[in-house]
Amino acid sequence: MGQDLIATHFGDVVVTHGADDCLPPCTIHSPSNHPMIGWPQNWRGDRKSMERVCEHGVGHPDPDDLQVRVRRGARVHTCDGCCVAL
């Protein structure tokens, strides 16, 4: 099992699984074509999850983040409505 180091838009460096061990969709190696795909990524170390940051500076759970997919609907985040309209 390999590991990759990735840098987010905000300069965080995250150790993640390697591309060879990846199962799509994956927020790092093979993101789906979701509506937030062009938004910058931000690693939430406190939640151990990736989020996408909208033009207003608000973080929204990345749809391809494994924890989001496993616990869909169970996540709560401060929201300005950007992800609801998508």
Protein backbone atom coordinates (compact mmCIF):
# COMPACT_ATOMS: atom_id res chain seq x y z
CA MET A 1 0.00 0.00 0.00
CA GLY A 2 1.46 3.29 -1.07
CA GLN A 3 0.89 6.75 0.23
CA ASP A 4 0.71 10.10 -1.49
CA LEU A 5 1.39 13.57 -0.16
CA ILE A 6 -0.97 16.20 -1.50
CA ALA A 7 -1.07 19.92 -0.93
CA THR A 8 -4.44 21.62 -0.66
CA HIS A 9 -5.24 25.04 -2.07
CA PHE A 10 -4.63 26.53 1.38
CA GLY A 11 -1.17 24.97 1.79
CA ASP A 12 -1.99 22.04 4.05
CA VAL A 13 -0.05 18.86 3.28
CA VAL A 14 -2.08 15.68 3.71
CA VAL A 15 -0.83 12.09 3.72
CA THR A 16 -3.33 9.95 1.86
CA HIS A 17 -3.65 6.53 0.30
CA GLY A 18 -1.76 5.94 -2.93
CA ALA A 19 -3.39 6.23 -6.32
CA ASP A 20 -2.91 2.48 -6.88
CA ASP A 21 -5.02 1.74 -3.79
CA CYS A 22 -7.76 4.18 -4.74
CA LEU A 23 -11.38 3.33 -5.50
CA PRO A 24 -13.26 6.10 -7.33
CA PRO A 25 -14.83 8.43 -6.66
CA CYS A 26 -12.04 9.92 -4.58
CA THR A 27 -11.64 13.56 -3.62
CA ILE A 28 -7.86 13.28 -4.16
CA HIS A 29 -7.19 10.96 -7.09
CA SER A 30 -10.39 10.74 -9.11
CA PRO A 31 -13.08 13.23 -8.14
CA SER A 32 -16.52 12.85 -9.64
CA ASN A 33 -18.04 15.61 -11.74
CA HIS A 34 -19.97 17.14 -8.83
CA PRO A 35 -21.06 20.81 -8.82
CA MET A 36 -18.34 21.85 -6.34
CA ILE A 37 -15.46 20.38 -8.37
CA GLY A 38 -13.95 23.80 -9.14
CA TRP A 39 -13.99 24.98 -5.54
CA PRO A 40 -10.69 24.90 -3.59
CA GLN A 41 -10.14 21.97 -1.25
CA ASN A 42 -9.47 22.36 2.46
CA TRP A 43 -8.43 19.52 4.77
CA ARG A 44 -10.33 19.52 8.07
CA GLY A 45 -7.94 17.83 10.48
CA ASP A 46 -10.44 18.14 13.31
CA ARG A 47 -13.00 16.15 11.31
CA LYS A 48 -10.54 14.09 9.28
CA SER A 49 -12.35 15.04 6.09
CA MET A 50 -11.96 17.14 2.98
CA GLU A 51 -14.21 20.07 2.30
CA ARG A 52 -14.71 22.45 -0.62
CA VAL A 53 -14.65 26.19 0.03
CA CYS A 54 -17.24 28.30 -1.81
CA GLU A 55 -16.69 31.83 -3.10
CA HIS A 56 -17.92 33.19 0.25
CA GLY A 57 -15.18 31.38 2.19
CA VAL A 58 -17.51 28.78 3.72
CA GLY A 59 -16.41 25.14 3.88
CA HIS A 60 -18.82 22.47 2.63
CA PRO A 61 -18.20 18.70 2.88
CA ASP A 62 -16.63 17.40 -0.33
CA PRO A 63 -19.16 15.02 -1.95
CA ASP A 64 -16.38 12.56 -2.78
CA ASP A 65 -14.90 12.41 0.71
CA LEU A 66 -15.24 8.86 2.01
CA GLN A 67 -16.72 9.92 5.33
CA VAL A 68 -19.32 12.03 3.56
CA ARG A 69 -20.35 9.12 1.34
CA VAL A 70 -20.52 6.66 4.23
CA ARG A 71 -22.47 8.97 6.54
CA ARG A 72 -24.42 10.91 3.92
CA GLY A 73 -26.90 13.22 5.56
CA ALA A 74 -25.32 12.85 8.99
CA ARG A 75 -22.86 15.72 8.57
CA VAL A 76 -23.61 19.18 9.87
CA HIS A 77 -21.66 22.23 8.75
CA THR A 78 -21.95 25.97 8.89
CA CYS A 79 -23.69 26.65 5.62
CA ASP A 80 -24.46 29.74 3.59
CA GLY A 81 -26.73 27.79 1.23
CA CYS A 82 -24.23 27.35 -1.61
CA CYS A 83 -24.21 23.56 -1.45
CA VAL A 84 -27.98 23.27 -0.99
CA ALA A 85 -28.66 24.96 -4.32
CA LEU A 86 -26.40 22.53 -6.22
